[in-house]
Amino acid sequence: MAMDWESRRKSVSLIRVSAFFAVMMAVLTGCGKGTAAVMETNEPLALERSELMLIVATERNRYEQIYTDQIWSAQVSGNGTTFQEYLLDQIKLFSNDLLVIGAMAEHYGISLDNSEKEQLRRLSQDYYSQLSAGDKAYTGADEEDVQNLYQSYCLASKTVTELTKDADLEISDNEAKVIEICQIVLNDPEEARELAVKASQEGVDFAALARTHSCEEETRKKLGRGEGEPALEEAAFSLEAGEISPVVEAGGRFYIIKCLNDYDSEATGKRKEELSLLRKDKAFRKIYDQFLEDYPITISDDMWQDIQCETTEDTATTNFFELYQEYFPG
């Protein structure tokens, strides 16, 4: 049985392998349609089962360590989907992206150099040496399988980097700016007006007023542009540190805002990275989808029929992706 890639869910993985999605979510600018040869085979693409199981083992162990083995039967949707089904579906999407970007690498003539291959060889030896007997039994993987998966992973990362190197991904400080505020949220406009007068008086402890009167428990928060109601955001970003807003109506509620920090440099830097990734993702997915339209790819679904997260093997591996970042930082 095969899965038509065109009908796959358009979602970003929420699981740990999203560390790699963060790399893949980088972008193409004006690449347009490629000029390389059309895909020469109609055979369904697939990872080896042992390679898939390395990813599954990494994720299952991480979740089971946190939530115990009770997590697998927990329902995560109204239609009865279990967490095991959800997790495997997300890993499937990830592995399919890995295959498609590998096909794009071939299409655009992108490959790993000898230095990268040698680094991957050392990485694979390091990772494989850390696997327990239970890990090896559960995954069925040998060192060659580890190296093959790491090579696919590295090639996909390199492909995205190469195809996005000319992209305009610059995010301005103004776009990414994050401020810190303390807010009082009320349902009654008259109470809000009275409290705004009190809050503006010299020496009043605004934070204490918020804790006492706000109908929301969280009174102190960081706010980035585009994250709040437009009226609320406009009022908050117009304040300098220490200033208090008049009453602001937004979403049927009434807000009094005090600016604690009108430029949080650390949070702004992190948000800039996040926005850059989102910009990359939008552009990359556009080219990715165009590639699939021009060169339809079918991915085999056979491997997934009997893969289970639950196992009696004593598995422990959780650092497949973290170790890669140590060898290939940035």
Protein backbone atom coordinates (compact mmCIF):
# COMPACT_ATOMS: atom_id res chain seq x y z
CA MET A 1 0.00 0.00 0.00
CA ALA A 2 1.32 3.49 -0.78
CA MET A 3 0.40 6.95 0.37
CA ASP A 4 -0.02 9.66 -2.24
CA TRP A 5 2.14 12.50 -0.95
CA GLU A 6 -0.22 15.09 -2.40
CA SER A 7 -2.89 14.03 0.08
CA ARG A 8 -0.68 14.22 3.17
CA ARG A 9 -1.70 16.48 6.07
CA LYS A 10 -0.22 19.97 5.87
CA SER A 11 0.97 20.26 9.43
CA VAL A 12 4.18 20.96 11.29
CA SER A 13 5.28 18.31 13.74
CA LEU A 14 4.81 19.18 17.40
CA ILE A 15 7.17 16.47 18.56
CA ARG A 16 10.85 16.70 19.31
CA VAL A 17 11.89 16.01 15.73
CA SER A 18 10.63 19.52 15.11
CA ALA A 19 14.26 20.43 15.85
CA PHE A 20 14.89 19.19 12.34
CA PHE A 21 11.74 20.81 10.99
CA ALA A 22 13.25 24.06 12.22
CA VAL A 23 16.09 23.41 9.81
CA MET A 24 13.81 22.26 7.01
CA MET A 25 11.57 25.27 7.55
CA ALA A 26 14.13 27.38 5.88
CA VAL A 27 13.44 28.81 2.59
CA LEU A 28 13.77 29.30 -1.11
CA THR A 29 13.57 32.72 -2.66
CA GLY A 30 13.30 33.15 -6.37
CA CYS A 31 14.23 29.61 -7.31
CA GLY A 32 11.05 28.98 -9.29
CA LYS A 33 10.84 25.71 -11.18
CA GLY A 34 14.01 23.68 -11.41
CA THR A 35 15.73 22.86 -14.68
CA ALA A 36 17.23 19.52 -13.67
CA ALA A 37 16.05 16.21 -15.04
CA VAL A 38 12.61 14.87 -14.22
CA MET A 39 12.52 12.21 -11.50
CA GLU A 40 13.51 9.02 -13.28
CA THR A 41 11.62 6.49 -11.19
CA ASN A 42 8.02 5.96 -10.23
CA GLU A 43 8.94 3.48 -7.51
CA PRO A 44 7.61 4.51 -4.08
CA LEU A 45 10.27 6.05 -1.85
CA ALA A 46 10.86 4.65 1.63
CA LEU A 47 13.27 4.68 4.51
CA GLU A 48 14.51 1.34 5.80
CA ARG A 49 12.44 0.08 8.71
CA SER A 50 15.46 0.18 11.01
CA GLU A 51 16.00 3.85 10.13
CA LEU A 52 12.38 4.66 10.91
CA MET A 53 12.69 2.82 14.19
CA LEU A 54 15.64 4.98 15.24
CA ILE A 55 13.35 8.02 15.02
CA VAL A 56 10.48 6.19 16.72
CA ALA A 57 12.76 5.01 19.54
CA THR A 58 14.07 8.52 20.15
CA GLU A 59 10.58 9.96 20.45
CA ARG A 60 8.91 7.10 22.33
CA ASN A 61 11.62 7.11 24.98
CA ARG A 62 11.45 10.85 25.48
CA TYR A 63 7.69 10.79 26.01
CA GLU A 64 7.64 7.65 28.12
CA GLN A 65 10.31 9.05 30.43
CA ILE A 66 8.11 12.06 31.07
CA TYR A 67 4.61 10.52 31.07
CA THR A 68 5.24 6.77 31.71
CA ASP A 69 3.92 4.03 29.43
CA GLN A 70 0.33 5.11 30.19
CA ILE A 71 0.72 7.82 27.53
CA TRP A 72 0.31 5.44 24.58
CA SER A 73 -3.36 4.65 25.13
CA ALA A 74 -4.33 8.21 26.13
CA GLN A 75 -6.84 9.73 23.71
CA VAL A 76 -5.83 13.04 22.13
CA SER A 77 -8.92 13.78 20.04
CA GLY A 78 -12.66 13.37 20.06
CA ASN A 79 -12.52 10.64 17.42
CA GLY A 80 -10.56 8.31 19.69
CA THR A 81 -7.07 8.84 18.28
CA THR A 82 -4.52 7.65 20.81
CA PHE A 83 -1.28 9.43 21.57
CA GLN A 84 0.61 6.51 20.02
CA GLU A 85 -1.30 6.95 16.75
CA TYR A 86 -0.77 10.70 16.84
CA LEU A 87 2.95 10.41 17.52
CA LEU A 88 3.53 7.83 14.79
CA ASP A 89 1.57 9.98 12.34
CA GLN A 90 3.78 12.97 13.11
CA ILE A 91 6.95 10.89 12.71
CA LYS A 92 5.56 9.64 9.40
CA LEU A 93 5.14 13.22 8.18
CA PHE A 94 8.69 13.98 9.26
CA SER A 95 10.18 10.94 7.54
CA ASN A 96 8.24 11.71 4.37
CA ASP A 97 9.63 15.25 4.35
CA LEU A 98 13.08 13.72 4.69
CA LEU A 99 12.50 11.61 1.58
CA VAL A 100 11.03 14.43 -0.49
CA ILE A 101 13.86 16.82 0.34
CA GLY A 102 16.30 14.04 -0.51
CA ALA A 103 14.66 13.84 -3.93
CA MET A 104 14.98 17.61 -4.23
CA ALA A 105 18.70 17.30 -3.45
CA GLU A 106 19.13 14.90 -6.35
CA HIS A 107 17.05 17.14 -8.59
CA TYR A 108 19.16 20.23 -7.82
CA GLY A 109 22.49 18.40 -7.80
CA ILE A 110 23.20 18.89 -4.09
CA SER A 111 25.38 16.33 -2.30
CA LEU A 112 27.52 15.88 0.78
CA ASP A 113 31.26 16.51 0.53
CA ASN A 114 33.98 14.25 1.90
CA SER A 115 34.43 16.36 5.03
CA GLU A 116 30.73 16.13 5.86
CA LYS A 117 30.71 12.38 5.23
CA GLU A 118 33.67 11.89 7.56
CA GLN A 119 32.01 13.96 10.26
CA LEU A 120 28.84 11.88 9.83
CA ARG A 121 30.88 8.68 10.12
CA ARG A 122 32.29 9.81 13.47
CA LEU A 123 28.85 10.96 14.61
CA SER A 124 27.32 7.61 13.70
CA GLN A 125 29.99 5.70 15.59
CA ASP A 126 29.48 7.91 18.63
CA TYR A 127 25.70 7.50 18.61
CA TYR A 128 25.73 3.77 17.92
CA SER A 129 28.21 3.17 20.73
CA GLN A 130 25.68 4.70 23.15
CA LEU A 131 22.79 2.41 22.18
CA SER A 132 21.79 -0.21 24.72
CA ALA A 133 21.08 -3.82 23.85
CA GLY A 134 17.38 -2.97 24.20
CA ASP A 135 17.72 -0.05 21.78
CA LYS A 136 19.36 -2.28 19.19
CA ALA A 137 16.75 -5.01 19.63
CA TYR A 138 13.83 -2.57 19.37
CA THR A 139 15.14 -0.66 16.33
CA GLY A 140 16.89 -3.51 14.55
CA ALA A 141 19.50 -0.93 13.55
CA ASP A 142 23.21 -1.43 12.99
CA GLU A 143 25.83 1.29 12.60
CA GLU A 144 25.27 1.49 8.83
CA ASP A 145 21.59 2.24 9.40
CA VAL A 146 22.52 5.02 11.82
CA GLN A 147 24.93 6.50 9.28
CA ASN A 148 22.39 6.28 6.45
CA LEU A 149 19.76 8.12 8.51
CA TYR A 150 22.21 10.79 9.61
CA GLN A 151 23.28 11.26 5.98
CA SER A 152 19.67 11.71 4.87
CA TYR A 153 19.16 14.16 7.70
CA CYS A 154 22.31 16.13 6.88
CA LEU A 155 21.60 16.17 3.14
CA ALA A 156 18.10 17.52 3.70
CA SER A 157 19.49 20.25 5.94
CA LYS A 158 22.14 21.15 3.39
CA THR A 159 19.57 21.19 0.58
CA VAL A 160 17.38 23.66 2.40
CA THR A 161 20.39 25.82 3.22
CA GLU A 162 21.57 25.84 -0.38
CA LEU A 163 18.14 26.63 -1.77
CA THR A 164 17.55 29.44 0.70
CA LYS A 165 20.93 31.14 0.75
CA ASP A 166 19.70 34.08 -1.35
CA ALA A 167 16.40 34.47 0.47
CA ASP A 168 15.55 37.79 2.10
CA LEU A 169 14.86 36.60 5.61
CA GLU A 170 15.84 39.73 7.48
CA ILE A 171 13.49 40.59 10.33
CA SER A 172 13.68 44.12 11.70
CA ASP A 173 13.82 44.92 15.41
CA ASN A 174 10.51 46.71 15.03
CA GLU A 175 8.83 43.58 13.60
CA ALA A 176 10.26 41.35 16.29
CA LYS A 177 10.05 43.77 19.21
CA VAL A 178 8.90 42.25 22.50
CA ILE A 179 7.88 44.31 25.51
CA GLU A 180 6.97 43.34 29.05
CA ILE A 181 3.76 44.59 30.60
CA CYS A 182 1.63 44.27 33.69
CA GLN A 183 -2.09 44.44 32.98
CA ILE A 184 -5.37 44.66 34.80
CA VAL A 185 -8.22 42.99 32.94
CA LEU A 186 -11.82 43.83 33.88
CA ASN A 187 -15.30 43.06 32.61
CA ASP A 188 -16.96 46.24 33.89
CA PRO A 189 -16.12 49.57 32.15
CA GLU A 190 -17.02 51.72 35.15
CA GLU A 191 -14.80 49.70 37.46
CA ALA A 192 -12.03 49.96 34.89
CA ARG A 193 -12.28 53.77 34.71
CA GLU A 194 -12.19 54.08 38.50
CA LEU A 195 -9.24 51.75 38.78
CA ALA A 196 -7.37 53.57 36.01
CA VAL A 197 -7.58 56.79 38.03
CA LYS A 198 -6.29 55.02 41.12
CA ALA A 199 -3.51 53.28 39.21
CA SER A 200 -2.18 56.57 37.83
CA GLN A 201 -1.70 58.09 41.29
CA GLU A 202 1.84 58.51 42.50
CA GLY A 203 3.19 55.73 44.70
CA VAL A 204 0.45 53.22 43.89
CA ASP A 205 1.61 49.60 43.58
CA PHE A 206 0.26 48.69 40.15
CA ALA A 207 1.22 45.02 40.47
CA ALA A 208 -0.70 44.77 43.75
CA LEU A 209 -3.76 46.36 42.13
CA ALA A 210 -3.53 43.87 39.28
CA ARG A 211 -3.28 40.90 41.61
CA THR A 212 -6.29 42.11 43.59
CA HIS A 213 -8.62 43.29 40.83
CA SER A 214 -7.74 41.63 37.53
CA CYS A 215 -10.09 38.88 36.38
CA GLU A 216 -7.13 37.10 34.79
CA GLU A 217 -4.63 35.35 37.02
CA GLU A 218 -1.68 36.13 34.76
CA THR A 219 -1.01 39.85 35.16
CA ARG A 220 2.60 40.08 34.01
CA LYS A 221 3.43 39.02 30.47
CA LYS A 222 5.65 39.54 27.45
CA LEU A 223 3.98 40.80 24.30
CA GLY A 224 5.26 40.68 20.73
CA ARG A 225 3.87 42.53 17.74
CA GLY A 226 0.98 40.67 16.17
CA GLU A 227 0.31 38.58 19.27
CA GLY A 228 -2.48 40.59 20.88
CA GLU A 229 -5.75 42.31 20.04
CA PRO A 230 -4.93 45.26 17.71
CA ALA A 231 -6.27 47.93 20.09
CA LEU A 232 -4.46 46.36 23.05
CA GLU A 233 -1.23 46.04 21.10
CA GLU A 234 -1.36 49.61 19.83
CA ALA A 235 -1.82 50.94 23.35
CA ALA A 236 0.89 48.75 24.87
CA PHE A 237 3.54 49.53 22.26
CA SER A 238 2.92 53.26 22.54
CA LEU A 239 4.05 53.24 26.17
CA GLU A 240 7.52 53.84 27.50
CA ALA A 241 8.83 51.93 30.51
CA GLY A 242 6.92 53.00 33.63
CA GLU A 243 3.98 54.55 31.77
CA ILE A 244 0.36 53.47 32.34
CA SER A 245 -2.30 53.43 29.66
CA PRO A 246 -5.85 54.76 29.91
CA VAL A 247 -8.59 52.13 29.77
CA VAL A 248 -8.39 50.12 26.54
CA GLU A 249 -11.36 48.13 25.28
CA ALA A 250 -10.49 44.99 23.34
CA GLY A 251 -12.48 41.83 22.72
CA GLY A 252 -15.30 42.97 25.00
CA ARG A 253 -13.01 43.44 28.01
CA PHE A 254 -11.30 46.46 29.54
CA TYR A 255 -7.56 46.73 30.09
CA ILE A 256 -5.24 48.99 32.03
CA ILE A 257 -1.63 48.43 31.02
CA LYS A 258 1.65 49.37 32.64
CA CYS A 259 4.80 49.02 30.55
CA LEU A 260 7.56 47.38 32.58
CA ASN A 261 10.11 47.09 29.78
CA ASP A 262 9.63 48.80 26.41
CA TYR A 263 12.33 46.67 24.74
CA ASP A 264 13.16 43.17 25.97
CA SER A 265 16.36 42.52 24.01
CA GLU A 266 16.65 38.80 24.81
CA ALA A 267 13.01 38.05 24.01
CA THR A 268 13.20 40.20 20.88
CA GLY A 269 16.21 38.24 19.67
CA LYS A 270 14.41 34.93 20.16
CA ARG A 271 11.29 36.23 18.44
CA LYS A 272 13.38 37.44 15.53
CA GLU A 273 14.65 33.89 15.06
CA GLU A 274 11.11 32.51 15.26
CA LEU A 275 9.77 34.99 12.72
CA SER A 276 12.66 34.25 10.40
CA LEU A 277 11.83 30.54 10.56
CA LEU A 278 8.20 31.27 9.78
CA ARG A 279 9.24 33.35 6.79
CA LYS A 280 11.52 30.55 5.65
CA ASP A 281 8.79 27.98 6.10
CA LYS A 282 6.30 29.91 4.00
CA ALA A 283 8.68 30.34 1.10
CA PHE A 284 10.19 26.88 1.35
CA ARG A 285 6.83 25.14 1.43
CA LYS A 286 5.79 27.04 -1.67
CA ILE A 287 8.77 25.68 -3.61
CA TYR A 288 8.40 22.27 -1.98
CA ASP A 289 4.78 22.03 -3.10
CA GLN A 290 5.69 23.23 -6.58
CA PHE A 291 8.36 20.54 -6.79
CA LEU A 292 5.80 17.87 -5.91
CA GLU A 293 3.38 19.26 -8.47
CA ASP A 294 6.05 19.10 -11.18
CA TYR A 295 7.50 15.77 -10.08
CA PRO A 296 4.85 13.70 -8.26
CA ILE A 297 6.36 11.39 -5.68
CA THR A 298 4.74 8.39 -4.04
CA ILE A 299 5.96 7.28 -0.63
CA SER A 300 5.50 3.75 0.60
CA ASP A 301 3.30 3.32 3.64
CA ASP A 302 4.00 -0.38 4.09
CA MET A 303 6.57 -0.01 6.85
CA TRP A 304 4.08 1.59 9.23
CA GLN A 305 1.58 -1.24 9.43
CA ASP A 306 3.06 -2.95 12.49
CA ILE A 307 5.22 -0.28 14.14
CA GLN A 308 4.34 0.17 17.81
CA CYS A 309 5.63 2.48 20.50
CA GLU A 310 4.83 -0.01 23.23
CA THR A 311 7.57 -2.56 23.77
CA THR A 312 8.99 -4.87 26.41
CA GLU A 313 12.55 -3.99 25.34
CA ASP A 314 14.57 -1.85 27.74
CA THR A 315 15.14 1.13 25.44
CA ALA A 316 16.79 4.36 26.50
CA THR A 317 18.00 6.38 23.51
CA THR A 318 16.72 9.98 23.34
CA ASN A 319 19.57 12.00 21.85
CA PHE A 320 19.65 11.20 18.13
CA PHE A 321 18.88 14.80 17.16
CA GLU A 322 20.74 16.48 20.01
CA LEU A 323 23.95 14.63 19.15
CA TYR A 324 23.61 15.73 15.53
CA GLN A 325 23.45 19.35 16.68
CA GLU A 326 26.67 18.85 18.63
CA TYR A 327 28.49 17.67 15.50
CA PHE A 328 26.71 20.09 13.14
CA PRO A 329 25.88 23.19 15.20
CA GLY A 330 24.01 26.11 13.71
